[in-house]
Amino acid sequence: MATDVWGVLEEKQRLSWTFTPFECVGPLKFGMTHEQAQAALDGVLRTALREGSAGAEGRADFWLEQRSHAGFSGPAVTVYYDQSIGLAGIAVNALRGPQVALDGIGLVGQVPSRLEDRFADYLETHDKELRYSQCADPCSAQLGLVLRVQRAGDLVLSRPVMVAGAWADRCWDATEGSIPWQEWKTFEW
């Protein structure tokens, strides 16, 4: 089977997760150790460690388990660990990650301009501030959410990054923020 670098899972093929700010993204809870995150995703996503020690500081990628998705390239979810708090950041792949919803708003694999409008309306309705990162990504420190984008062939789709409370106050800052520089460089796959 050939690898589909730019293939995007259909909505019905995606796992369905919810985002509760500063608490969890689907089965992943902020503050978890790497071992706890692996156990929470066992049978759904498989892990492949990357840079750093995932138990203290570093990053880990989780890939789709299902055989029906075997031809898709790249991780479904990337997590970032902080030595002082454990699981501190969760980025969901726009092409093959779970659909993550915030109060019914799908955050993953969306047309960025449409999602930005819905997000701005949501924040206004909930009396929260809309900010923009140095990369022009809409975000909210009050939710710990940055709506980044990711390439999908000739298109771009939404790639949300959700962070723990300890990282939220600077989640928009690509130079001084707590979100690791590797995430700010992610645009492809």
N, C-alpha and C. Protein backbone atom coordinates (compact mmCIF):
# COMPACT_ATOMS: atom_id res chain seq x y z
N MET A 1 0.84 -1.18 0.00
CA MET A 1 0.00 0.00 0.00
C MET A 1 0.88 1.24 0.00
N ALA A 2 0.61 2.18 -0.88
CA ALA A 2 1.37 3.42 -0.96
C ALA A 2 1.01 4.33 0.21
N THR A 3 1.97 5.13 0.62
CA THR A 3 1.74 6.09 1.69
C THR A 3 1.10 7.33 1.12
N ASP A 4 0.05 7.81 1.77
CA ASP A 4 -0.68 8.99 1.34
C ASP A 4 -0.24 10.16 2.21
N VAL A 5 0.74 10.92 1.74
CA VAL A 5 1.31 12.01 2.52
C VAL A 5 0.29 13.11 2.78
N TRP A 6 -0.53 13.45 1.79
CA TRP A 6 -1.46 14.57 1.93
C TRP A 6 -2.90 14.14 2.14
N GLY A 7 -3.15 12.86 2.24
CA GLY A 7 -4.52 12.39 2.42
C GLY A 7 -5.13 12.89 3.72
N VAL A 8 -6.39 13.28 3.65
CA VAL A 8 -7.11 13.78 4.81
C VAL A 8 -8.23 12.79 5.13
N LEU A 9 -8.27 12.34 6.38
CA LEU A 9 -9.35 11.44 6.80
C LEU A 9 -10.69 12.16 6.70
N GLU A 10 -11.69 11.42 6.28
CA GLU A 10 -13.04 11.97 6.28
C GLU A 10 -13.50 12.09 7.73
N GLU A 11 -14.44 12.96 7.95
CA GLU A 11 -14.93 13.19 9.31
C GLU A 11 -15.40 11.90 9.98
N LYS A 12 -16.09 11.05 9.25
CA LYS A 12 -16.61 9.80 9.82
C LYS A 12 -15.50 8.79 10.15
N GLN A 13 -14.30 8.98 9.59
CA GLN A 13 -13.18 8.08 9.86
C GLN A 13 -12.40 8.50 11.11
N ARG A 14 -12.60 9.71 11.57
CA ARG A 14 -11.82 10.24 12.68
C ARG A 14 -12.36 9.77 14.03
N LEU A 15 -11.46 9.65 14.98
CA LEU A 15 -11.87 9.46 16.36
C LEU A 15 -12.60 10.73 16.79
N SER A 16 -13.46 10.64 17.76
CA SER A 16 -14.22 11.80 18.24
C SER A 16 -13.85 12.09 19.68
N TRP A 17 -13.21 13.24 19.92
CA TRP A 17 -12.78 13.64 21.25
C TRP A 17 -13.39 14.99 21.61
N THR A 18 -13.40 15.30 22.89
CA THR A 18 -13.82 16.63 23.35
C THR A 18 -12.64 17.29 24.06
N PHE A 19 -12.68 18.62 24.07
CA PHE A 19 -11.66 19.43 24.73
C PHE A 19 -12.30 20.15 25.90
N THR A 20 -11.78 19.89 27.09
CA THR A 20 -12.18 20.62 28.28
C THR A 20 -10.96 21.44 28.69
N PRO A 21 -11.01 22.76 28.51
CA PRO A 21 -9.83 23.60 28.77
C PRO A 21 -9.17 23.31 30.11
N PHE A 22 -7.85 23.16 30.03
CA PHE A 22 -6.96 22.95 31.17
C PHE A 22 -7.18 21.62 31.89
N GLU A 23 -8.06 20.78 31.36
CA GLU A 23 -8.30 19.47 31.96
C GLU A 23 -7.87 18.34 31.04
N CYS A 24 -8.51 18.25 29.86
CA CYS A 24 -8.24 17.10 29.01
C CYS A 24 -8.57 17.37 27.55
N VAL A 25 -8.00 16.53 26.71
CA VAL A 25 -8.32 16.44 25.28
C VAL A 25 -8.58 14.96 25.05
N GLY A 26 -9.85 14.60 24.90
CA GLY A 26 -10.20 13.19 24.80
C GLY A 26 -9.70 12.46 26.03
N PRO A 27 -9.01 11.33 25.85
CA PRO A 27 -8.53 10.55 26.99
C PRO A 27 -7.24 11.10 27.61
N LEU A 28 -6.65 12.12 26.98
CA LEU A 28 -5.40 12.68 27.49
C LEU A 28 -5.69 13.79 28.49
N LYS A 29 -5.09 13.67 29.68
CA LYS A 29 -5.29 14.67 30.72
C LYS A 29 -3.98 15.43 30.94
N PHE A 30 -4.11 16.75 31.04
CA PHE A 30 -2.93 17.54 31.32
C PHE A 30 -2.33 17.11 32.65
N GLY A 31 -1.00 17.00 32.69
CA GLY A 31 -0.30 16.56 33.89
C GLY A 31 0.08 15.09 33.88
N MET A 32 -0.46 14.32 32.93
CA MET A 32 -0.13 12.89 32.85
C MET A 32 1.37 12.69 32.59
N THR A 33 1.86 11.53 33.03
CA THR A 33 3.19 11.09 32.63
C THR A 33 3.08 10.48 31.24
N HIS A 34 4.20 10.21 30.62
CA HIS A 34 4.17 9.57 29.30
C HIS A 34 3.54 8.18 29.39
N GLU A 35 3.85 7.46 30.44
CA GLU A 35 3.30 6.12 30.61
C GLU A 35 1.78 6.16 30.75
N GLN A 36 1.27 7.14 31.48
CA GLN A 36 -0.18 7.30 31.63
C GLN A 36 -0.83 7.67 30.29
N ALA A 37 -0.16 8.52 29.51
CA ALA A 37 -0.70 8.90 28.20
C ALA A 37 -0.74 7.68 27.28
N GLN A 38 0.33 6.87 27.28
CA GLN A 38 0.36 5.65 26.48
C GLN A 38 -0.78 4.72 26.87
N ALA A 39 -0.99 4.54 28.17
CA ALA A 39 -2.06 3.66 28.65
C ALA A 39 -3.43 4.19 28.24
N ALA A 40 -3.62 5.51 28.29
CA ALA A 40 -4.91 6.11 27.92
C ALA A 40 -5.22 5.91 26.44
N LEU A 41 -4.18 5.80 25.61
CA LEU A 41 -4.37 5.67 24.17
C LEU A 41 -4.16 4.24 23.67
N ASP A 42 -3.91 3.32 24.58
CA ASP A 42 -3.66 1.93 24.21
C ASP A 42 -4.82 1.36 23.39
N GLY A 43 -4.49 0.77 22.26
CA GLY A 43 -5.50 0.18 21.39
C GLY A 43 -6.12 1.17 20.41
N VAL A 44 -5.84 2.45 20.58
CA VAL A 44 -6.39 3.48 19.70
C VAL A 44 -5.27 4.13 18.89
N LEU A 45 -4.24 4.58 19.58
CA LEU A 45 -3.07 5.17 18.93
C LEU A 45 -1.83 4.51 19.49
N ARG A 46 -0.82 4.34 18.65
CA ARG A 46 0.44 3.77 19.13
C ARG A 46 1.48 4.88 19.21
N THR A 47 2.44 4.73 20.09
CA THR A 47 3.40 5.79 20.32
C THR A 47 4.71 5.55 19.58
N ALA A 48 5.34 6.63 19.23
CA ALA A 48 6.69 6.63 18.68
C ALA A 48 7.37 7.82 19.33
N LEU A 49 8.34 7.57 20.19
CA LEU A 49 8.99 8.67 20.91
C LEU A 49 9.84 9.50 19.98
N ARG A 50 9.93 10.75 20.33
CA ARG A 50 10.78 11.68 19.60
C ARG A 50 11.58 12.46 20.62
N GLU A 51 12.26 13.47 20.16
CA GLU A 51 13.15 14.33 20.93
C GLU A 51 12.90 14.38 22.43
N GLY A 52 13.99 14.26 23.17
CA GLY A 52 13.92 14.40 24.61
C GLY A 52 13.39 13.16 25.30
N SER A 53 13.35 13.23 26.59
CA SER A 53 12.80 12.15 27.39
C SER A 53 11.33 12.44 27.62
N ALA A 54 10.46 11.63 27.06
CA ALA A 54 9.02 11.90 27.15
C ALA A 54 8.52 11.85 28.58
N GLY A 55 9.26 11.26 29.48
CA GLY A 55 8.83 11.21 30.86
C GLY A 55 9.05 12.51 31.61
N ALA A 56 9.95 13.37 31.13
CA ALA A 56 10.24 14.62 31.82
C ALA A 56 9.96 15.80 30.90
N GLU A 57 10.85 16.04 29.97
CA GLU A 57 10.63 17.07 28.98
C GLU A 57 10.79 16.41 27.63
N GLY A 58 10.10 16.88 26.67
CA GLY A 58 10.23 16.33 25.34
C GLY A 58 8.91 16.24 24.63
N ARG A 59 8.92 15.38 23.63
CA ARG A 59 7.79 15.27 22.72
C ARG A 59 7.58 13.81 22.38
N ALA A 60 6.33 13.44 22.17
CA ALA A 60 6.01 12.09 21.71
C ALA A 60 4.92 12.19 20.66
N ASP A 61 5.03 11.36 19.63
CA ASP A 61 4.02 11.30 18.58
C ASP A 61 3.22 10.02 18.75
N PHE A 62 1.91 10.13 18.52
CA PHE A 62 1.02 8.97 18.56
C PHE A 62 0.42 8.79 17.17
N TRP A 63 0.49 7.58 16.66
CA TRP A 63 0.07 7.26 15.30
C TRP A 63 -1.21 6.44 15.32
N LEU A 64 -1.96 6.48 14.24
CA LEU A 64 -3.18 5.69 14.12
C LEU A 64 -2.87 4.20 14.18
N GLU A 65 -3.67 3.43 14.87
CA GLU A 65 -3.53 1.99 15.02
C GLU A 65 -4.23 1.21 13.93
N GLN A 66 -5.41 1.65 13.53
CA GLN A 66 -6.26 0.88 12.64
C GLN A 66 -5.59 0.57 11.30
N ARG A 67 -5.77 -0.66 10.84
CA ARG A 67 -5.22 -1.07 9.55
C ARG A 67 -5.80 -0.26 8.40
N SER A 68 -7.04 0.15 8.53
CA SER A 68 -7.68 0.92 7.45
C SER A 68 -7.02 2.27 7.24
N HIS A 69 -6.21 2.70 8.20
CA HIS A 69 -5.52 3.98 8.08
C HIS A 69 -4.02 3.79 7.85
N ALA A 70 -3.60 2.56 7.59
CA ALA A 70 -2.17 2.24 7.50
C ALA A 70 -1.45 3.02 6.40
N GLY A 71 -2.13 3.43 5.35
CA GLY A 71 -1.48 4.14 4.26
C GLY A 71 -1.23 5.61 4.55
N PHE A 72 -1.81 6.14 5.62
CA PHE A 72 -1.62 7.55 5.94
C PHE A 72 -0.30 7.76 6.66
N SER A 73 0.43 8.78 6.26
CA SER A 73 1.74 9.07 6.82
C SER A 73 1.64 10.14 7.90
N GLY A 74 2.44 10.01 8.92
CA GLY A 74 2.53 11.03 9.96
C GLY A 74 1.69 10.73 11.17
N PRO A 75 2.04 11.39 12.28
CA PRO A 75 1.33 11.15 13.54
C PRO A 75 -0.06 11.75 13.54
N ALA A 76 -0.94 11.21 14.37
CA ALA A 76 -2.28 11.75 14.55
C ALA A 76 -2.28 12.82 15.64
N VAL A 77 -1.46 12.61 16.66
CA VAL A 77 -1.39 13.51 17.81
C VAL A 77 0.07 13.64 18.24
N THR A 78 0.47 14.86 18.56
CA THR A 78 1.79 15.11 19.12
C THR A 78 1.59 15.72 20.50
N VAL A 79 2.29 15.17 21.49
CA VAL A 79 2.18 15.70 22.84
C VAL A 79 3.52 16.25 23.29
N TYR A 80 3.45 17.26 24.14
CA TYR A 80 4.65 17.89 24.68
C TYR A 80 4.62 17.79 26.20
N TYR A 81 5.77 17.43 26.76
CA TYR A 81 5.89 17.26 28.20
C TYR A 81 6.76 18.36 28.79
N ASP A 82 6.44 18.74 30.01
CA ASP A 82 7.20 19.72 30.76
C ASP A 82 7.61 19.04 32.06
N GLN A 83 8.87 19.16 32.41
CA GLN A 83 9.39 18.46 33.58
C GLN A 83 8.59 18.76 34.85
N SER A 84 8.13 19.99 34.99
CA SER A 84 7.46 20.36 36.24
C SER A 84 5.98 19.97 36.29
N ILE A 85 5.34 19.76 35.12
CA ILE A 85 3.90 19.47 35.16
C ILE A 85 3.48 18.21 34.41
N GLY A 86 4.37 17.58 33.68
CA GLY A 86 3.99 16.41 32.89
C GLY A 86 3.42 16.83 31.54
N LEU A 87 2.36 16.18 31.10
CA LEU A 87 1.74 16.48 29.81
C LEU A 87 1.25 17.93 29.83
N ALA A 88 1.84 18.76 28.94
CA ALA A 88 1.56 20.19 28.98
C ALA A 88 0.98 20.73 27.68
N GLY A 89 1.15 20.02 26.58
CA GLY A 89 0.65 20.48 25.30
C GLY A 89 0.22 19.33 24.42
N ILE A 90 -0.86 19.53 23.67
CA ILE A 90 -1.39 18.50 22.78
C ILE A 90 -1.72 19.16 21.46
N ALA A 91 -1.07 18.69 20.39
CA ALA A 91 -1.34 19.19 19.04
C ALA A 91 -1.98 18.06 18.24
N VAL A 92 -3.06 18.38 17.53
CA VAL A 92 -3.78 17.36 16.79
C VAL A 92 -3.59 17.60 15.29
N ASN A 93 -3.12 16.56 14.61
CA ASN A 93 -2.83 16.61 13.18
C ASN A 93 -4.10 16.91 12.38
N ALA A 94 -4.01 17.92 11.53
CA ALA A 94 -5.16 18.34 10.72
C ALA A 94 -5.60 17.27 9.73
N LEU A 95 -4.69 16.45 9.25
CA LEU A 95 -4.99 15.48 8.21
C LEU A 95 -5.56 14.18 8.76
N ARG A 96 -5.03 13.71 9.89
CA ARG A 96 -5.42 12.37 10.37
C ARG A 96 -5.68 12.29 11.86
N GLY A 97 -5.72 13.40 12.54
CA GLY A 97 -5.98 13.38 13.97
C GLY A 97 -7.45 13.22 14.31
N PRO A 98 -7.73 12.97 15.58
CA PRO A 98 -9.12 12.89 16.03
C PRO A 98 -9.82 14.23 15.80
N GLN A 99 -11.13 14.20 15.66
CA GLN A 99 -11.89 15.45 15.64
C GLN A 99 -12.09 15.85 17.10
N VAL A 100 -11.58 16.99 17.45
CA VAL A 100 -11.68 17.49 18.82
C VAL A 100 -12.69 18.62 18.82
N ALA A 101 -13.68 18.52 19.70
CA ALA A 101 -14.73 19.54 19.76
C ALA A 101 -14.66 20.34 21.05
N LEU A 102 -14.88 21.62 20.91
CA LEU A 102 -15.02 22.54 22.04
C LEU A 102 -16.46 23.04 22.00
N ASP A 103 -17.28 22.60 22.92
CA ASP A 103 -18.70 22.99 22.95
C ASP A 103 -19.36 22.85 21.57
N GLY A 104 -19.10 21.73 20.91
CA GLY A 104 -19.73 21.45 19.62
C GLY A 104 -19.02 22.02 18.41
N ILE A 105 -17.95 22.77 18.60
CA ILE A 105 -17.19 23.33 17.48
C ILE A 105 -16.04 22.38 17.15
N GLY A 106 -16.04 21.80 15.96
CA GLY A 106 -14.94 20.94 15.52
C GLY A 106 -13.70 21.79 15.28
N LEU A 107 -12.59 21.42 15.90
CA LEU A 107 -11.37 22.21 15.82
C LEU A 107 -10.34 21.68 14.83
N VAL A 108 -10.51 20.45 14.36
CA VAL A 108 -9.48 19.78 13.58
C VAL A 108 -9.89 19.66 12.11
N GLY A 109 -8.95 19.96 11.21
CA GLY A 109 -9.16 19.76 9.78
C GLY A 109 -10.20 20.69 9.18
N GLN A 110 -10.35 21.86 9.76
CA GLN A 110 -11.35 22.82 9.29
C GLN A 110 -10.70 23.89 8.40
N VAL A 111 -11.52 24.56 7.60
CA VAL A 111 -11.05 25.70 6.82
C VAL A 111 -10.73 26.81 7.83
N PRO A 112 -9.48 27.28 7.88
CA PRO A 112 -9.07 28.21 8.93
C PRO A 112 -9.92 29.48 9.05
N SER A 113 -10.30 30.10 7.96
CA SER A 113 -11.08 31.34 8.04
C SER A 113 -12.46 31.11 8.64
N ARG A 114 -13.09 30.01 8.28
CA ARG A 114 -14.41 29.70 8.84
C ARG A 114 -14.32 29.37 10.33
N LEU A 115 -13.30 28.59 10.69
CA LEU A 115 -13.11 28.25 12.09
C LEU A 115 -12.78 29.50 12.90
N GLU A 116 -11.98 30.38 12.36
CA GLU A 116 -11.63 31.61 13.06
C GLU A 116 -12.89 32.44 13.36
N ASP A 117 -13.79 32.53 12.41
CA ASP A 117 -15.04 33.27 12.62
C ASP A 117 -15.86 32.63 13.75
N ARG A 118 -16.01 31.31 13.71
CA ARG A 118 -16.77 30.60 14.76
C ARG A 118 -16.10 30.77 16.12
N PHE A 119 -14.78 30.68 16.13
CA PHE A 119 -14.01 30.82 17.37
C PHE A 119 -14.17 32.23 17.94
N ALA A 120 -14.07 33.23 17.09
CA ALA A 120 -14.24 34.62 17.55
C ALA A 120 -15.63 34.83 18.14
N ASP A 121 -16.65 34.30 17.48
CA ASP A 121 -18.02 34.40 18.00
C ASP A 121 -18.15 33.68 19.34
N TYR A 122 -17.56 32.50 19.44
CA TYR A 122 -17.60 31.73 20.69
C TYR A 122 -16.96 32.53 21.82
N LEU A 123 -15.77 33.08 21.56
CA LEU A 123 -15.07 33.84 22.60
C LEU A 123 -15.87 35.07 23.02
N GLU A 124 -16.45 35.76 22.07
CA GLU A 124 -17.26 36.94 22.39
C GLU A 124 -18.46 36.55 23.25
N THR A 125 -19.13 35.49 22.88
CA THR A 125 -20.29 35.01 23.63
C THR A 125 -19.93 34.61 25.05
N HIS A 126 -18.72 34.09 25.23
CA HIS A 126 -18.27 33.62 26.56
C HIS A 126 -17.38 34.64 27.27
N ASP A 127 -17.37 35.89 26.77
CA ASP A 127 -16.63 36.99 27.39
C ASP A 127 -15.15 36.65 27.57
N LYS A 128 -14.56 36.12 26.52
CA LYS A 128 -13.14 35.77 26.52
C LYS A 128 -12.43 36.54 25.41
N GLU A 129 -11.14 36.76 25.59
CA GLU A 129 -10.36 37.58 24.68
C GLU A 129 -9.78 36.76 23.52
N LEU A 130 -9.89 37.30 22.32
CA LEU A 130 -9.25 36.72 21.13
C LEU A 130 -7.89 37.39 20.97
N ARG A 131 -6.87 36.57 20.80
CA ARG A 131 -5.52 37.08 20.54
C ARG A 131 -5.01 36.40 19.28
N TYR A 132 -3.89 36.90 18.79
CA TYR A 132 -3.24 36.30 17.63
C TYR A 132 -1.77 36.07 17.96
N SER A 133 -1.27 34.91 17.55
CA SER A 133 0.14 34.60 17.76
C SER A 133 0.98 35.42 16.78
N GLN A 134 2.27 35.36 16.95
CA GLN A 134 3.17 36.03 16.02
C GLN A 134 3.11 35.40 14.63
N CYS A 135 2.52 34.22 14.56
CA CYS A 135 2.33 33.54 13.28
C CYS A 135 0.93 33.78 12.73
N ALA A 136 0.16 34.70 13.36
CA ALA A 136 -1.20 35.07 12.96
C ALA A 136 -2.23 33.98 13.24
N ASP A 137 -1.92 33.10 14.20
CA ASP A 137 -2.87 32.06 14.60
C ASP A 137 -3.83 32.63 15.65
N PRO A 138 -5.16 32.47 15.47
CA PRO A 138 -6.08 32.90 16.53
C PRO A 138 -5.91 32.02 17.76
N CYS A 139 -6.01 32.64 18.94
CA CYS A 139 -5.82 31.87 20.16
C CYS A 139 -6.50 32.53 21.34
N SER A 140 -6.60 31.77 22.41
CA SER A 140 -7.16 32.26 23.66
C SER A 140 -6.37 31.69 24.82
N ALA A 141 -5.71 32.57 25.57
CA ALA A 141 -5.00 32.14 26.78
C ALA A 141 -6.01 31.68 27.83
N GLN A 142 -7.23 32.22 27.79
CA GLN A 142 -8.25 31.86 28.76
C GLN A 142 -8.79 30.45 28.54
N LEU A 143 -8.52 29.89 27.37
CA LEU A 143 -8.89 28.49 27.07
C LEU A 143 -7.67 27.59 26.91
N GLY A 144 -6.48 28.21 26.76
CA GLY A 144 -5.29 27.41 26.48
C GLY A 144 -5.36 26.76 25.12
N LEU A 145 -5.76 27.55 24.11
CA LEU A 145 -6.00 27.01 22.77
C LEU A 145 -5.42 27.93 21.70
N VAL A 146 -4.64 27.34 20.79
CA VAL A 146 -4.10 28.05 19.63
C VAL A 146 -4.57 27.30 18.39
N LEU A 147 -5.17 28.02 17.46
CA LEU A 147 -5.66 27.39 16.22
C LEU A 147 -4.63 27.60 15.11
N ARG A 148 -3.68 26.68 15.04
CA ARG A 148 -2.63 26.73 14.02
C ARG A 148 -3.15 26.13 12.72
N VAL A 149 -2.34 26.15 11.68
CA VAL A 149 -2.70 25.53 10.41
C VAL A 149 -1.63 24.54 10.00
N GLN A 150 -2.02 23.64 9.11
CA GLN A 150 -1.13 22.60 8.62
C GLN A 150 -1.43 22.37 7.15
N ARG A 151 -0.40 22.13 6.39
CA ARG A 151 -0.54 21.90 4.95
C ARG A 151 -1.24 20.58 4.67
N ALA A 152 -2.13 20.61 3.68
CA ALA A 152 -2.81 19.41 3.18
C ALA A 152 -2.73 19.49 1.66
N GLY A 153 -1.56 19.20 1.11
CA GLY A 153 -1.36 19.36 -0.33
C GLY A 153 -1.37 20.84 -0.67
N ASP A 154 -2.30 21.26 -1.53
CA ASP A 154 -2.40 22.66 -1.93
C ASP A 154 -3.26 23.49 -1.00
N LEU A 155 -3.77 22.90 0.08
CA LEU A 155 -4.65 23.58 1.03
C LEU A 155 -4.00 23.65 2.39
N VAL A 156 -4.60 24.43 3.28
CA VAL A 156 -4.23 24.38 4.70
C VAL A 156 -5.50 24.13 5.50
N LEU A 157 -5.35 23.38 6.58
CA LEU A 157 -6.46 23.04 7.47
C LEU A 157 -6.05 23.31 8.91
N SER A 158 -7.02 23.40 9.79
CA SER A 158 -6.75 23.75 11.19
C SER A 158 -6.08 22.61 11.95
N ARG A 159 -5.10 22.98 12.76
CA ARG A 159 -4.32 22.08 13.63
C ARG A 159 -4.32 22.71 15.03
N PRO A 160 -5.26 22.35 15.89
CA PRO A 160 -5.30 22.98 17.20
C PRO A 160 -4.18 22.50 18.13
N VAL A 161 -3.73 23.41 18.95
CA VAL A 161 -2.78 23.10 20.01
C VAL A 161 -3.42 23.54 21.31
N MET A 162 -3.60 22.60 22.22
CA MET A 162 -4.22 22.86 23.51
C MET A 162 -3.18 22.68 24.59
N VAL A 163 -3.16 23.60 25.56
CA VAL A 163 -2.10 23.58 26.56
C VAL A 163 -2.64 23.60 27.98
N ALA A 164 -1.79 23.15 28.90
CA ALA A 164 -2.10 23.18 30.33
C ALA A 164 -2.10 24.63 30.82
N GLY A 165 -2.71 24.87 31.96
CA GLY A 165 -2.79 26.21 32.51
C GLY A 165 -1.44 26.89 32.67
N ALA A 166 -0.41 26.15 33.02
CA ALA A 166 0.92 26.73 33.22
C ALA A 166 1.52 27.28 31.93
N TRP A 167 1.06 26.82 30.78
CA TRP A 167 1.58 27.31 29.50
C TRP A 167 0.66 28.35 28.86
N ALA A 168 -0.53 28.53 29.38
CA ALA A 168 -1.55 29.32 28.71
C ALA A 168 -1.24 30.81 28.60
N ASP A 169 -0.59 31.38 29.60
CA ASP A 169 -0.39 32.83 29.61
C ASP A 169 0.50 33.34 28.48
N ARG A 170 1.24 32.46 27.84
CA ARG A 170 2.09 32.85 26.71
C ARG A 170 1.90 31.95 25.50
N CYS A 171 0.73 31.34 25.39
CA CYS A 171 0.53 30.35 24.32
C CYS A 171 0.58 30.97 22.93
N TRP A 172 0.47 32.25 22.79
CA TRP A 172 0.49 32.91 21.49
C TRP A 172 1.90 33.34 21.08
N ASP A 173 2.86 33.27 21.98
CA ASP A 173 4.18 33.83 21.73
C ASP A 173 5.14 32.78 21.18
N ALA A 174 5.46 32.90 19.91
CA ALA A 174 6.33 31.93 19.25
C ALA A 174 7.78 32.06 19.66
N THR A 175 8.17 33.16 20.27
CA THR A 175 9.57 33.30 20.66
C THR A 175 9.79 33.08 22.15
N GLU A 176 8.87 33.49 22.97
CA GLU A 176 9.04 33.39 24.42
C GLU A 176 8.04 32.45 25.07
N GLY A 177 7.14 31.89 24.29
CA GLY A 177 6.07 31.07 24.86
C GLY A 177 6.54 29.72 25.32
N SER A 178 5.67 29.04 25.96
CA SER A 178 5.98 27.72 26.48
C SER A 178 5.82 26.62 25.43
N ILE A 179 5.02 26.86 24.40
CA ILE A 179 4.89 25.86 23.34
C ILE A 179 6.25 25.69 22.68
N PRO A 180 6.77 24.47 22.62
CA PRO A 180 8.11 24.24 22.07
C PRO A 180 8.25 24.73 20.62
N TRP A 181 9.45 25.16 20.30
CA TRP A 181 9.73 25.72 18.96
C TRP A 181 9.42 24.73 17.86
N GLN A 182 9.52 23.41 18.13
CA GLN A 182 9.23 22.41 17.09
C GLN A 182 7.79 22.55 16.59
N GLU A 183 6.87 22.85 17.51
CA GLU A 183 5.47 22.99 17.11
C GLU A 183 5.28 24.20 16.21
N TRP A 184 5.94 25.29 16.50
CA TRP A 184 5.79 26.50 15.68
C TRP A 184 6.34 26.27 14.28
N LYS A 185 7.27 25.33 14.14
CA LYS A 185 7.84 25.03 12.82
C LYS A 185 7.01 24.01 12.05
N THR A 186 6.04 23.38 12.70
CA THR A 186 5.22 22.35 12.05
C THR A 186 4.23 22.99 11.09
N PHE A 187 4.34 22.64 9.84
CA PHE A 187 3.38 23.09 8.83
C PHE A 187 3.00 21.91 7.94
N GLU A 188 3.97 21.04 7.72
CA GLU A 188 3.72 19.87 6.89
C GLU A 188 3.60 18.63 7.76
N TRP A 189 2.92 17.68 7.27
CA TRP A 189 2.59 16.38 7.81
C TRP A 189 2.34 16.45 9.24
